[in-house]
């Protein structure tokens, strides 16, 4: 018990966008629209996969996992973001901040794992199509989902305890409208080396390895596609990967930008840090349903059929 008996504030103060405090009420409108698109769009995809028998396939089961993680991520940030921008209610209890921090990092890691699983799906579908049905069975998909969830929980379980052991006496003002591990540990008036090393270890061993594996899978996919004689068949094969590639870019490009700015951009204006973090958390849940609805005709047709049945 003595390990966690340290000085800490009862609550933290969240921050919107530094320098734009007077415009927070105006920014609340676009934020509400983004949350509506993220929650509504991903919920529609989840429902379409659930009710449409034509979507009961590995690719769409994985897509439904991606939509679920996007809904969960949006719900994890929504209460504090809207309270900060709409009501100017900036305080959050210490324990609630720890829970939010754990949820945000967990669902982000889950999304990375799901994108990796989807790249494996595309690899098998293109490079070994004859064995697709026997390799990616329902049991395998369930196993992937359980492994992705377990990895997130086990890897990130230490984070709240690493924060709880730190005395926080410099300030109680966080840099964002939600709680993140790098933001919280910087308020400590003690050595944060362990937190920094563990955070870097998690980043490299999970997100970094996922991104490398996704890149490797597409190298193998590209090699297999280039071996196809027909130009039309090559384009058809690559077209099945477009939605996934866009989803990967929407997730990893902002994440790499945020990580780079946090670790090397000490002289970058504070509002740049905040804006990039907001892009990283808010953009993928908004873009993913739009990407898959626009680029995947099976999803688009299933959504149209679903809404037609509702009207009838």
Protein backbone atom coordinates (compact mmCIF):
# COMPACT_ATOMS: atom_id res chain seq x y z
CA UNK A 1 0.00 0.00 0.00
CA UNK A 2 2.90 2.36 0.78
CA UNK A 3 4.00 2.24 -2.85
CA UNK A 4 0.87 4.15 -3.91
CA UNK A 5 0.66 6.37 -0.81
CA UNK A 6 2.07 9.43 -2.60
CA UNK A 7 1.04 13.03 -3.11
CA UNK A 8 -1.48 13.39 -5.88
CA UNK A 9 -4.34 15.76 -6.74
CA UNK A 10 -7.93 14.70 -6.18
CA UNK A 11 -8.68 15.69 -9.76
CA UNK A 12 -7.10 16.95 -12.96
CA UNK A 13 -8.05 19.92 -15.11
CA UNK A 14 -8.51 19.13 -18.80
CA UNK A 15 -7.62 21.54 -21.57
CA UNK A 16 -9.31 22.22 -24.89
CA UNK A 17 -7.13 23.91 -27.52
CA UNK A 18 -4.65 26.41 -26.02
CA UNK A 19 -5.14 29.92 -27.35
CA UNK A 20 -8.63 29.15 -28.67
CA UNK A 21 -10.50 29.04 -25.36
CA UNK A 22 -12.92 31.74 -26.51
CA UNK A 23 -13.83 29.62 -29.56
CA UNK A 24 -14.54 26.38 -27.70
CA UNK A 25 -18.30 26.83 -27.99
CA UNK A 26 -17.92 27.19 -31.77
CA UNK A 27 -15.69 24.11 -31.96
CA UNK A 28 -18.28 22.08 -30.06
CA UNK A 29 -20.53 21.94 -33.17
CA UNK A 30 -17.97 20.27 -35.48
CA UNK A 31 -16.96 17.93 -32.66
CA UNK A 32 -20.57 16.84 -32.16
CA UNK A 33 -20.87 16.20 -35.91
CA UNK A 34 -17.68 14.10 -35.85
CA UNK A 35 -18.95 12.04 -32.92
CA UNK A 36 -22.33 11.59 -34.64
CA UNK A 37 -20.63 10.35 -37.83
CA UNK A 38 -18.27 8.05 -35.91
CA UNK A 39 -20.95 6.52 -33.68
CA UNK A 40 -23.69 6.45 -36.33
CA UNK A 41 -21.53 5.21 -39.20
CA UNK A 42 -19.82 2.45 -37.24
CA UNK A 43 -23.10 1.36 -35.64
CA UNK A 44 -24.68 1.06 -39.11
CA UNK A 45 -21.78 -1.15 -40.26
CA UNK A 46 -22.09 -3.33 -37.15
CA UNK A 47 -25.81 -3.75 -37.75
CA UNK A 48 -25.32 -4.44 -41.46
CA UNK A 49 -22.80 -7.20 -40.75
CA UNK A 50 -25.13 -8.65 -38.11
CA UNK A 51 -28.30 -8.85 -40.22
CA UNK A 52 -26.94 -9.42 -43.74
CA UNK A 53 -26.11 -13.06 -44.41
CA UNK A 54 -23.98 -12.07 -47.41
CA UNK A 55 -21.60 -10.30 -44.99
CA UNK A 56 -21.09 -13.33 -42.75
CA UNK A 57 -17.53 -13.74 -43.99
CA UNK A 58 -14.10 -13.33 -42.31
CA UNK A 59 -13.38 -9.99 -43.98
CA UNK A 60 -16.59 -8.44 -42.68
CA UNK A 61 -16.30 -10.00 -39.23
CA UNK A 62 -12.94 -8.25 -38.94
CA UNK A 63 -14.53 -5.04 -40.23
CA UNK A 64 -17.17 -5.30 -37.52
CA UNK A 65 -14.36 -5.63 -34.93
CA UNK A 66 -12.82 -2.45 -36.34
CA UNK A 67 -16.16 -0.65 -36.12
CA UNK A 68 -16.64 -1.85 -32.54
CA UNK A 69 -13.21 -0.52 -31.51
CA UNK A 70 -14.03 2.82 -33.18
CA UNK A 71 -17.34 3.05 -31.30
CA UNK A 72 -15.60 2.16 -28.04
CA UNK A 73 -12.85 4.74 -28.63
CA UNK A 74 -15.43 7.44 -29.36
CA UNK A 75 -17.40 6.60 -26.23
CA UNK A 76 -14.21 6.64 -24.14
CA UNK A 77 -13.37 10.23 -25.13
CA UNK A 78 -16.86 11.69 -25.68
CA UNK A 79 -17.81 12.58 -22.05
CA UNK A 80 -14.72 14.66 -21.24
CA UNK A 81 -14.34 16.22 -24.70
CA UNK A 82 -17.94 17.47 -24.85
CA UNK A 83 -17.86 18.60 -21.20
CA UNK A 84 -14.69 20.59 -21.89
CA UNK A 85 -15.83 22.22 -25.13
CA UNK A 86 -19.58 22.55 -24.53
CA UNK A 87 -19.84 23.21 -20.79
CA UNK A 88 -16.32 24.38 -19.94
CA UNK A 89 -16.37 21.71 -17.21
CA UNK A 90 -12.70 20.81 -17.11
CA UNK A 91 -12.28 18.77 -13.94
CA UNK A 92 -11.97 14.99 -13.90
CA UNK A 93 -11.38 12.79 -10.84
CA UNK A 94 -7.97 11.11 -10.57
CA UNK A 95 -9.40 7.57 -10.68
CA UNK A 96 -11.71 8.44 -13.60
CA UNK A 97 -8.69 9.82 -15.47
CA UNK A 98 -6.79 6.57 -14.92
CA UNK A 99 -9.74 4.56 -16.27
CA UNK A 100 -10.10 6.79 -19.33
CA UNK A 101 -6.34 6.61 -19.99
CA UNK A 102 -6.43 2.81 -19.86
CA UNK A 103 -9.48 2.60 -22.15
CA UNK A 104 -8.12 5.02 -24.76
CA UNK A 105 -4.76 3.25 -25.02
CA UNK A 106 -6.43 -0.19 -24.97
CA UNK A 107 -8.89 0.52 -27.78
CA UNK A 108 -6.13 2.18 -29.80
CA UNK A 109 -3.97 -0.94 -29.46
CA UNK A 110 -6.97 -3.12 -30.33
CA UNK A 111 -7.48 -1.13 -33.53
CA UNK A 112 -3.84 -1.64 -34.47
CA UNK A 113 -4.19 -5.40 -33.91
CA UNK A 114 -7.40 -5.55 -35.94
CA UNK A 115 -5.74 -3.74 -38.85
CA UNK A 116 -2.97 -6.34 -38.71
CA UNK A 117 -5.53 -9.17 -38.75
CA UNK A 118 -7.24 -7.53 -41.74
CA UNK A 119 -3.93 -7.40 -43.60
CA UNK A 120 -3.51 -11.14 -42.98
CA UNK A 121 -7.03 -11.63 -44.36
CA UNK A 122 -6.07 -9.76 -47.54
CA UNK A 123 -2.80 -11.72 -47.80
CA UNK A 124 -4.56 -15.11 -47.65
CA UNK A 125 -7.35 -13.96 -50.00
CA UNK A 126 -4.88 -12.85 -52.70
CA UNK A 127 -1.83 -15.07 -52.21
CA UNK A 128 -3.57 -18.33 -51.25
CA UNK A 129 -7.22 -18.03 -52.33
CA UNK A 130 -7.81 -21.79 -52.60
CA UNK A 131 -7.19 -22.23 -48.87
CA UNK A 132 -8.95 -19.03 -47.74
CA UNK A 133 -12.03 -20.80 -46.37
CA UNK A 134 -9.98 -23.40 -44.50
CA UNK A 135 -7.42 -20.94 -43.07
CA UNK A 136 -9.78 -18.17 -41.95
CA UNK A 137 -12.55 -20.13 -40.27
CA UNK A 138 -14.97 -18.63 -37.75
CA UNK A 139 -12.94 -20.21 -34.95
CA UNK A 140 -9.77 -18.53 -36.21
CA UNK A 141 -11.52 -15.14 -36.39
CA UNK A 142 -12.81 -15.55 -32.82
CA UNK A 143 -9.31 -16.55 -31.72
CA UNK A 144 -7.88 -13.44 -33.36
CA UNK A 145 -10.40 -11.25 -31.56
CA UNK A 146 -9.63 -12.84 -28.19
CA UNK A 147 -5.85 -12.56 -28.76
CA UNK A 148 -6.11 -8.90 -29.78
CA UNK A 149 -8.21 -8.07 -26.71
CA UNK A 150 -5.96 -10.05 -24.35
CA UNK A 151 -2.83 -8.40 -25.73
CA UNK A 152 -4.25 -4.94 -25.14
CA UNK A 153 -5.36 -5.74 -21.58
CA UNK A 154 -2.17 -7.54 -20.51
CA UNK A 155 0.23 -5.04 -22.11
CA UNK A 156 -1.50 -1.92 -20.77
CA UNK A 157 -2.59 -3.24 -17.36
CA UNK A 158 0.59 -1.84 -15.68
CA UNK A 159 0.01 1.73 -16.93
CA UNK A 160 -2.43 2.88 -14.20
CA UNK A 161 -0.14 1.47 -11.49
CA UNK A 162 2.91 3.17 -13.03
CA UNK A 163 1.03 6.48 -12.75
CA UNK A 164 -0.31 5.76 -9.24
CA UNK A 165 3.22 5.30 -7.86
CA UNK A 166 4.27 8.80 -9.01
CA UNK A 167 3.88 11.85 -6.74
CA UNK A 168 2.13 14.59 -8.74
CA UNK A 169 2.88 18.01 -7.29
CA UNK A 170 3.92 20.25 -10.19
CA UNK A 171 0.46 20.93 -11.57
CA UNK A 172 -2.87 19.22 -12.16
CA UNK A 173 -3.51 20.69 -15.61
CA UNK A 174 -3.44 18.21 -18.50
CA UNK A 175 -2.72 19.23 -22.09
CA UNK A 176 -5.78 17.62 -23.69
CA UNK A 177 -9.51 17.20 -23.18
CA UNK A 178 -8.91 13.54 -22.26
CA UNK A 179 -6.32 11.57 -20.27
CA UNK A 180 -3.21 10.03 -21.85
CA UNK A 181 -0.24 8.32 -20.20
CA UNK A 182 2.49 10.65 -21.59
CA UNK A 183 0.48 13.69 -20.52
CA UNK A 184 -0.13 12.43 -16.97
CA UNK A 185 3.43 11.25 -16.27
CA UNK A 186 4.88 14.67 -17.22
CA UNK A 187 3.12 16.19 -14.20
CA UNK A 188 5.11 14.01 -11.79
CA UNK A 189 7.77 15.51 -9.55
CA UNK A 190 9.78 12.27 -9.52
CA UNK A 191 11.84 10.13 -11.87
CA UNK A 192 9.63 8.97 -14.78
CA UNK A 193 12.29 6.84 -16.50
CA UNK A 194 10.38 3.59 -15.90
CA UNK A 195 7.21 5.10 -17.37
CA UNK A 196 9.08 6.42 -20.41
CA UNK A 197 10.90 3.14 -21.06
CA UNK A 198 7.75 1.06 -20.66
CA UNK A 199 5.77 3.43 -22.88
CA UNK A 200 8.44 3.19 -25.60
CA UNK A 201 8.55 -0.60 -25.21
CA UNK A 202 4.77 -0.83 -25.69
CA UNK A 203 4.90 1.50 -28.70
CA UNK A 204 7.64 -0.46 -30.47
CA UNK A 205 6.59 -4.01 -29.51
CA UNK A 206 2.93 -3.61 -30.44
CA UNK A 207 2.21 -0.68 -32.76
CA UNK A 208 5.66 -0.82 -34.36
CA UNK A 209 5.56 -4.59 -34.94
CA UNK A 210 1.97 -4.38 -36.22
CA UNK A 211 2.93 -1.71 -38.74
CA UNK A 212 6.00 -3.68 -39.85
CA UNK A 213 3.90 -6.85 -40.28
CA UNK A 214 1.27 -4.96 -42.28
CA UNK A 215 3.99 -3.53 -44.52
CA UNK A 216 5.50 -7.00 -44.98
CA UNK A 217 2.10 -8.50 -45.85
CA UNK A 218 1.61 -5.90 -48.58
CA UNK A 219 5.08 -6.55 -49.98
CA UNK A 220 4.09 -10.21 -50.35
CA UNK A 221 0.67 -9.24 -51.75
CA UNK A 222 2.28 -6.92 -54.31
CA UNK A 223 4.73 -9.65 -55.36
CA UNK A 224 1.85 -12.07 -55.84
CA UNK A 225 -0.25 -9.53 -57.76
CA UNK A 226 2.60 -8.66 -60.12
CA UNK A 227 2.85 -12.35 -61.00
CA UNK A 228 -0.72 -12.26 -62.39
CA UNK A 229 -0.62 -12.10 -66.17
CA UNK A 230 -3.85 -10.18 -66.75
CA UNK A 231 -3.70 -6.42 -66.13
CA UNK A 232 -7.41 -6.39 -65.35
CA UNK A 233 -7.05 -9.16 -62.77
CA UNK A 234 -4.13 -7.33 -61.15
CA UNK A 235 -6.24 -4.20 -60.73
CA UNK A 236 -9.16 -6.24 -59.41
CA UNK A 237 -6.93 -7.87 -56.78
CA UNK A 238 -5.40 -4.57 -55.69
CA UNK A 239 -8.81 -2.90 -55.54
CA UNK A 240 -9.86 -5.29 -52.76
CA UNK A 241 -7.05 -3.81 -50.63
CA UNK A 242 -7.78 -0.10 -51.15
CA UNK A 243 -10.18 0.28 -48.21
CA UNK A 244 -7.78 -1.43 -45.82
CA UNK A 245 -4.80 0.62 -47.03
CA UNK A 246 -6.75 3.85 -46.48
CA UNK A 247 -7.79 2.70 -43.00
CA UNK A 248 -4.15 1.88 -42.16
CA UNK A 249 -3.02 5.32 -43.35
CA UNK A 250 -5.83 7.06 -41.41
CA UNK A 251 -4.67 5.30 -38.23
CA UNK A 252 -0.88 5.17 -38.45
CA UNK A 253 0.00 8.50 -40.12
CA UNK A 254 -1.52 10.61 -37.29
CA UNK A 255 -0.10 8.21 -34.69
CA UNK A 256 3.44 8.49 -36.07
CA UNK A 257 3.04 12.26 -36.24
CA UNK A 258 1.88 12.46 -32.62
CA UNK A 259 4.70 10.18 -31.39
CA UNK A 260 7.31 12.18 -33.30
CA UNK A 261 6.07 15.53 -31.99
CA UNK A 262 5.80 14.26 -28.40
CA UNK A 263 9.34 12.86 -28.34
CA UNK A 264 11.28 15.26 -30.55
CA UNK A 265 9.14 18.40 -30.92
CA UNK A 266 9.98 20.13 -27.66
CA UNK A 267 9.96 23.53 -29.35
CA UNK A 268 6.79 22.93 -31.37
CA UNK A 269 3.89 25.20 -30.24
CA UNK A 270 1.64 23.55 -27.66
CA UNK A 271 -1.48 23.83 -29.81
CA UNK A 272 0.22 21.70 -32.50
CA UNK A 273 0.63 18.88 -29.97
CA UNK A 274 -3.04 19.13 -29.04
CA UNK A 275 -4.34 19.34 -32.60
CA UNK A 276 -2.28 16.32 -33.73
CA UNK A 277 -3.46 14.27 -30.75
CA UNK A 278 -7.06 15.19 -31.56
CA UNK A 279 -6.57 14.16 -35.19
CA UNK A 280 -5.10 10.82 -34.06
CA UNK A 281 -8.07 10.02 -31.80
CA UNK A 282 -10.97 11.55 -33.75
CA UNK A 283 -10.15 11.00 -37.44
CA UNK A 284 -9.95 7.16 -37.75
CA UNK A 285 -13.41 6.50 -36.17
CA UNK A 286 -14.90 9.11 -38.52
CA UNK A 287 -13.10 8.03 -41.70
CA UNK A 288 -13.30 4.24 -41.37
CA UNK A 289 -17.09 3.89 -41.90
CA UNK A 290 -16.93 6.42 -44.74
CA UNK A 291 -14.04 4.59 -46.41
CA UNK A 292 -15.61 1.14 -46.22
CA UNK A 293 -19.06 2.40 -47.20
CA UNK A 294 -17.69 4.23 -50.23
CA UNK A 295 -15.07 1.71 -51.41
CA UNK A 296 -16.70 -1.64 -50.59
CA UNK A 297 -19.75 -2.29 -52.76
CA UNK A 298 -20.91 -5.25 -50.64
CA UNK A 299 -21.10 -3.01 -47.56
CA UNK A 300 -22.82 -0.28 -49.54
CA UNK A 301 -25.43 -2.66 -50.95
CA UNK A 302 -26.04 -4.25 -47.55
CA UNK A 303 -26.63 -0.83 -45.95
CA UNK A 304 -29.06 0.14 -48.72
CA UNK A 305 -30.99 -3.13 -48.31
CA UNK A 306 -31.07 -2.69 -44.53
CA UNK A 307 -32.55 0.81 -44.74
CA UNK A 308 -35.08 -0.32 -47.38
CA UNK A 309 -36.34 -2.98 -44.99
CA UNK A 310 -36.64 -0.39 -42.24
CA UNK A 311 -38.77 1.86 -44.49
CA UNK A 312 -41.04 -1.06 -45.39
